[in-house]
Amino acid sequence: MKEHATRRRFLAETTTFLSLIGVGKPPAVAAAPTQRRSRVALRKPGPMLPPVPAILLTVNGKPGEPDEISVLWTFVVSGDPPQVGVSAGDEHRAGPLLALHREFVLNVPVAALVHPFDVVDMSSSRVADKFALSGLTRGAASAVKAPTVNEAPIQLECRITHTLRVPPARTVYLADVVATTVHEGVCDADGRLIAASAAFFGMTAGNGEFHTLGQKVGHIGQSAGRSDIKY
């Protein structure tokens, strides 16, 4: 079976080719500051990787119980094919529901939803109607059997492919993204996200704060003269 080229390998080959033919040379990069800053070791280590996605996960409930909205650690596994992962602690109600239904939706909120987002997060271990609790509006996915959050400008509909148990008390679910839907105006005609189209926000792991995206400072592939990479 032919191995798929990784993005890094592809970029390396492209950069070498461009250099050989003398076109598309990357722009000059400013030198890094020479001043050194002292470094201190924290008393307690932590996964301080700001920012991280702030995502509302929706999944069907058990028979006779309400559907679930939860806030879980969420990450990208691959851009092509589109794959994501979520990490559920044993205390989260979502974990057993993900294992049961094998389908879910990732709903990307905006700054106006910070309060209902936090209401959901602080209730992740409770069996309750989180839509009623948070005031969010229930919708229905187009390609998987799961509810959605209508207010979310971006929705990723996902189907679980692998499960990984991580001691002492977490389970990671890896999933294919089988459909992506967005509010009109969130992406351009080529399906490229327009970051300024909505007030997206993330969590700053390390202090628990929420921050919007802020200023654009660059893009993937800029050092290789590329501007076409989305993931």
Protein backbone atom coordinates (compact mmCIF):
# COMPACT_ATOMS: atom_id res chain seq x y z
CA MET A 1 0.00 0.00 0.00
CA LYS A 2 1.38 3.39 -0.98
CA GLU A 3 2.07 5.55 2.05
CA HIS A 4 0.34 8.92 2.14
CA ALA A 5 2.81 11.80 2.13
CA THR A 6 2.74 13.81 5.31
CA ARG A 7 2.17 17.54 5.12
CA ARG A 8 5.66 18.20 6.49
CA ARG A 9 7.27 15.94 3.90
CA PHE A 10 5.23 17.57 1.14
CA LEU A 11 6.25 21.01 2.33
CA ALA A 12 9.90 19.98 2.43
CA GLU A 13 9.75 18.65 -1.14
CA THR A 14 7.90 21.75 -2.36
CA THR A 15 10.32 24.14 -0.66
CA THR A 16 13.32 22.33 -2.14
CA PHE A 17 11.80 22.45 -5.63
CA LEU A 18 10.98 26.14 -5.38
CA SER A 19 14.50 26.88 -4.22
CA LEU A 20 15.99 24.95 -7.15
CA ILE A 21 14.02 26.82 -9.78
CA GLY A 22 14.41 30.15 -8.00
CA VAL A 23 10.77 31.13 -7.63
CA GLY A 24 8.42 31.47 -4.71
CA LYS A 25 11.22 32.11 -2.26
CA PRO A 26 9.95 32.53 1.30
CA PRO A 27 9.93 36.07 2.68
CA ALA A 28 12.76 37.12 4.92
CA VAL A 29 12.19 36.26 8.57
CA ALA A 30 13.06 38.76 11.28
CA ALA A 31 15.80 37.63 13.63
CA ALA A 32 14.66 36.34 17.00
CA PRO A 33 15.29 38.60 20.00
CA THR A 34 18.71 37.97 21.50
CA GLN A 35 17.73 38.89 25.04
CA ARG A 36 17.40 35.84 27.25
CA ARG A 37 14.75 35.60 29.92
CA SER A 38 15.14 33.55 33.05
CA ARG A 39 13.03 30.39 33.33
CA VAL A 40 11.42 29.02 36.49
CA ALA A 41 10.06 25.55 37.22
CA LEU A 42 6.48 25.43 38.51
CA ARG A 43 5.90 23.49 41.70
CA LYS A 44 3.20 21.43 39.99
CA PRO A 45 3.40 20.42 36.30
CA GLY A 46 0.35 20.99 34.13
CA PRO A 47 -0.80 20.78 30.48
CA MET A 48 -0.25 24.53 29.94
CA LEU A 49 -0.88 24.73 26.18
CA PRO A 50 -2.81 27.94 25.49
CA PRO A 51 -5.06 28.28 23.66
CA VAL A 52 -7.14 25.11 23.46
CA PRO A 53 -10.53 24.68 21.74
CA ALA A 54 -13.67 25.57 23.66
CA ILE A 55 -16.19 23.11 22.22
CA LEU A 56 -19.71 21.97 23.08
CA LEU A 57 -20.11 18.25 22.40
CA THR A 58 -23.63 16.93 21.81
CA VAL A 59 -24.65 13.27 21.90
CA ASN A 60 -27.90 11.35 22.24
CA GLY A 61 -28.97 10.36 25.75
CA LYS A 62 -29.99 6.97 27.04
CA PRO A 63 -33.61 5.86 26.47
CA GLY A 64 -35.83 7.88 28.78
CA GLU A 65 -33.09 10.41 29.60
CA PRO A 66 -32.35 13.80 28.03
CA ASP A 67 -29.75 14.27 25.33
CA GLU A 68 -26.35 15.47 26.53
CA ILE A 69 -24.22 18.56 26.03
CA SER A 70 -20.74 18.36 27.53
CA VAL A 71 -17.45 20.25 27.47
CA LEU A 72 -14.56 17.84 26.79
CA TRP A 73 -10.92 18.30 25.85
CA THR A 74 -10.98 18.33 22.03
CA PHE A 75 -8.19 18.10 19.46
CA VAL A 76 -7.49 17.64 15.74
CA VAL A 77 -6.04 14.26 14.75
CA SER A 78 -5.79 14.81 10.99
CA GLY A 79 -6.84 17.36 8.40
CA ASP A 80 -6.95 14.89 5.51
CA PRO A 81 -8.76 12.65 6.14
CA PRO A 82 -10.65 14.83 8.64
CA GLN A 83 -10.34 13.26 12.09
CA VAL A 84 -10.74 14.59 15.63
CA GLY A 85 -10.45 13.32 19.17
CA VAL A 86 -12.16 14.02 22.48
CA SER A 87 -11.10 13.08 25.99
CA ALA A 88 -13.78 12.24 28.57
CA GLY A 89 -13.14 11.86 32.27
CA ASP A 90 -14.93 9.07 34.10
CA GLU A 91 -17.01 11.72 35.88
CA HIS A 92 -18.44 13.04 32.60
CA ARG A 93 -21.88 11.81 31.63
CA ALA A 94 -20.84 12.02 27.97
CA GLY A 95 -18.34 9.16 28.15
CA PRO A 96 -20.79 6.23 28.42
CA LEU A 97 -23.06 7.90 25.85
CA LEU A 98 -20.21 8.17 23.34
CA ALA A 99 -19.41 4.49 23.90
CA LEU A 100 -23.08 3.62 23.43
CA HIS A 101 -23.99 5.67 20.35
CA ARG A 102 -20.59 6.03 18.60
CA GLU A 103 -21.72 9.31 17.01
CA PHE A 104 -21.61 12.92 18.22
CA VAL A 105 -21.35 16.55 17.11
CA LEU A 106 -18.74 19.16 17.99
CA ASN A 107 -20.36 22.60 18.17
CA VAL A 108 -18.02 25.61 17.99
CA PRO A 109 -19.45 28.47 20.10
CA VAL A 110 -18.83 32.22 20.02
CA ALA A 111 -18.14 34.79 22.73
CA ALA A 112 -21.84 35.56 23.21
CA LEU A 113 -22.25 31.96 24.42
CA VAL A 114 -19.54 32.03 27.11
CA HIS A 115 -22.07 31.96 29.96
CA PRO A 116 -24.15 29.01 28.68
CA PHE A 117 -20.88 27.29 27.76
CA ASP A 118 -19.74 27.57 31.38
CA VAL A 119 -23.15 26.45 32.68
CA VAL A 120 -22.77 23.28 30.60
CA ASP A 121 -19.15 22.78 31.69
CA MET A 122 -20.04 23.05 35.38
CA SER A 123 -22.84 20.51 34.88
CA SER A 124 -20.97 17.90 32.83
CA SER A 125 -21.42 15.16 35.41
CA ARG A 126 -25.17 15.77 35.93
CA VAL A 127 -28.06 13.97 34.27
CA ALA A 128 -30.16 16.95 33.22
CA ASP A 129 -31.66 18.68 30.21
CA LYS A 130 -28.63 20.83 29.39
CA PHE A 131 -30.52 22.60 26.61
CA ALA A 132 -33.09 23.87 29.10
CA LEU A 133 -30.42 24.51 31.71
CA SER A 134 -28.23 26.61 29.41
CA GLY A 135 -30.90 28.18 27.18
CA LEU A 136 -29.24 26.77 24.05
CA THR A 137 -31.40 25.64 21.12
CA ARG A 138 -31.52 22.00 20.09
CA GLY A 139 -31.00 21.09 16.45
CA ALA A 140 -30.50 17.85 14.52
CA ALA A 141 -27.40 16.64 12.69
CA SER A 142 -27.58 15.92 8.96
CA ALA A 143 -25.34 12.85 8.68
CA VAL A 144 -25.22 11.30 12.17
CA LYS A 145 -27.79 10.54 14.83
CA ALA A 146 -27.07 13.25 17.37
CA PRO A 147 -28.43 16.61 18.50
CA THR A 148 -26.71 19.91 17.71
CA VAL A 149 -26.52 23.44 19.17
CA ASN A 150 -28.19 25.75 16.65
CA GLU A 151 -26.34 28.83 17.88
CA ALA A 152 -22.93 27.33 17.03
CA PRO A 153 -21.57 28.76 13.73
CA ILE A 154 -19.58 25.58 13.04
CA GLN A 155 -20.71 21.99 13.58
CA LEU A 156 -18.59 18.88 13.02
CA GLU A 157 -20.59 15.66 12.75
CA CYS A 158 -18.45 12.75 13.91
CA ARG A 159 -18.42 8.95 13.96
CA ILE A 160 -16.14 7.14 16.43
CA THR A 161 -13.52 4.78 15.02
CA HIS A 162 -11.20 4.05 17.94
CA THR A 163 -11.28 4.18 21.73
CA LEU A 164 -8.26 4.48 24.00
CA ARG A 165 -8.34 4.02 27.75
CA VAL A 166 -5.93 6.43 29.49
CA PRO A 167 -5.21 5.76 33.18
CA PRO A 168 -6.10 6.75 35.74
CA ALA A 169 -9.59 7.96 34.78
CA ARG A 170 -10.03 9.06 31.16
CA THR A 171 -11.11 7.64 27.81
CA VAL A 172 -10.09 9.13 24.47
CA TYR A 173 -12.45 8.73 21.51
CA LEU A 174 -11.06 9.18 17.99
CA ALA A 175 -13.54 9.92 15.24
CA ASP A 176 -13.95 10.65 11.55
CA VAL A 177 -15.59 13.96 10.66
CA VAL A 178 -18.30 12.84 8.23
CA ALA A 179 -19.98 16.24 7.74
CA THR A 180 -19.18 19.87 8.50
CA THR A 181 -21.82 22.60 8.41
CA VAL A 182 -21.40 26.34 9.00
CA HIS A 183 -23.52 29.45 9.23
CA GLU A 184 -23.59 31.43 6.01
CA GLY A 185 -20.62 33.80 5.82
CA VAL A 186 -18.36 31.76 8.12
CA CYS A 187 -16.44 30.27 5.15
CA ASP A 188 -15.60 31.56 1.69
CA ALA A 189 -16.63 29.89 -1.57
CA ASP A 190 -13.68 27.48 -1.31
CA GLY A 191 -14.66 26.34 2.18
CA ARG A 192 -11.87 28.28 3.88
CA LEU A 193 -12.73 29.58 7.35
CA ILE A 194 -13.05 33.35 7.68
CA ALA A 195 -11.73 33.77 11.22
CA ALA A 196 -13.11 37.30 11.60
CA SER A 197 -16.64 36.21 10.65
CA ALA A 198 -17.53 35.39 14.26
CA ALA A 199 -16.15 35.97 17.76
CA PHE A 200 -14.71 32.49 18.22
CA PHE A 201 -13.00 31.89 21.56
CA GLY A 202 -10.76 29.36 23.25
CA MET A 203 -9.63 28.43 26.73
CA THR A 204 -6.18 29.37 27.95
CA ALA A 205 -5.04 26.18 29.65
CA GLY A 206 -3.04 27.37 32.63
CA ASN A 207 -5.40 29.99 34.01
CA GLY A 208 -8.88 28.81 32.94
CA GLU A 209 -9.77 32.02 31.10
CA PHE A 210 -11.63 32.43 27.82
CA HIS A 211 -10.16 34.61 25.07
CA THR A 212 -11.25 35.44 21.52
CA LEU A 213 -8.87 34.85 18.62
CA GLY A 214 -7.49 38.37 18.41
CA GLN A 215 -4.92 39.44 15.82
CA LYS A 216 -3.69 37.34 12.91
CA VAL A 217 0.08 36.90 13.21
CA GLY A 218 0.80 34.51 10.34
CA HIS A 219 -0.35 31.35 8.57
CA ILE A 220 0.69 27.74 7.96
CA GLY A 221 3.25 27.51 5.14
CA GLN A 222 4.30 31.17 5.16
CA SER A 223 7.96 30.16 5.43
CA ALA A 224 7.58 28.09 2.25
CA GLY A 225 5.67 30.69 0.24
CA ARG A 226 2.40 28.76 0.71
CA SER A 227 -1.04 30.19 1.48
CA ASP A 228 -3.31 27.30 0.48
CA ILE A 229 -3.14 25.10 3.59
CA LYS A 230 -6.30 24.96 5.69
CA TYR A 231 -5.48 22.20 8.18
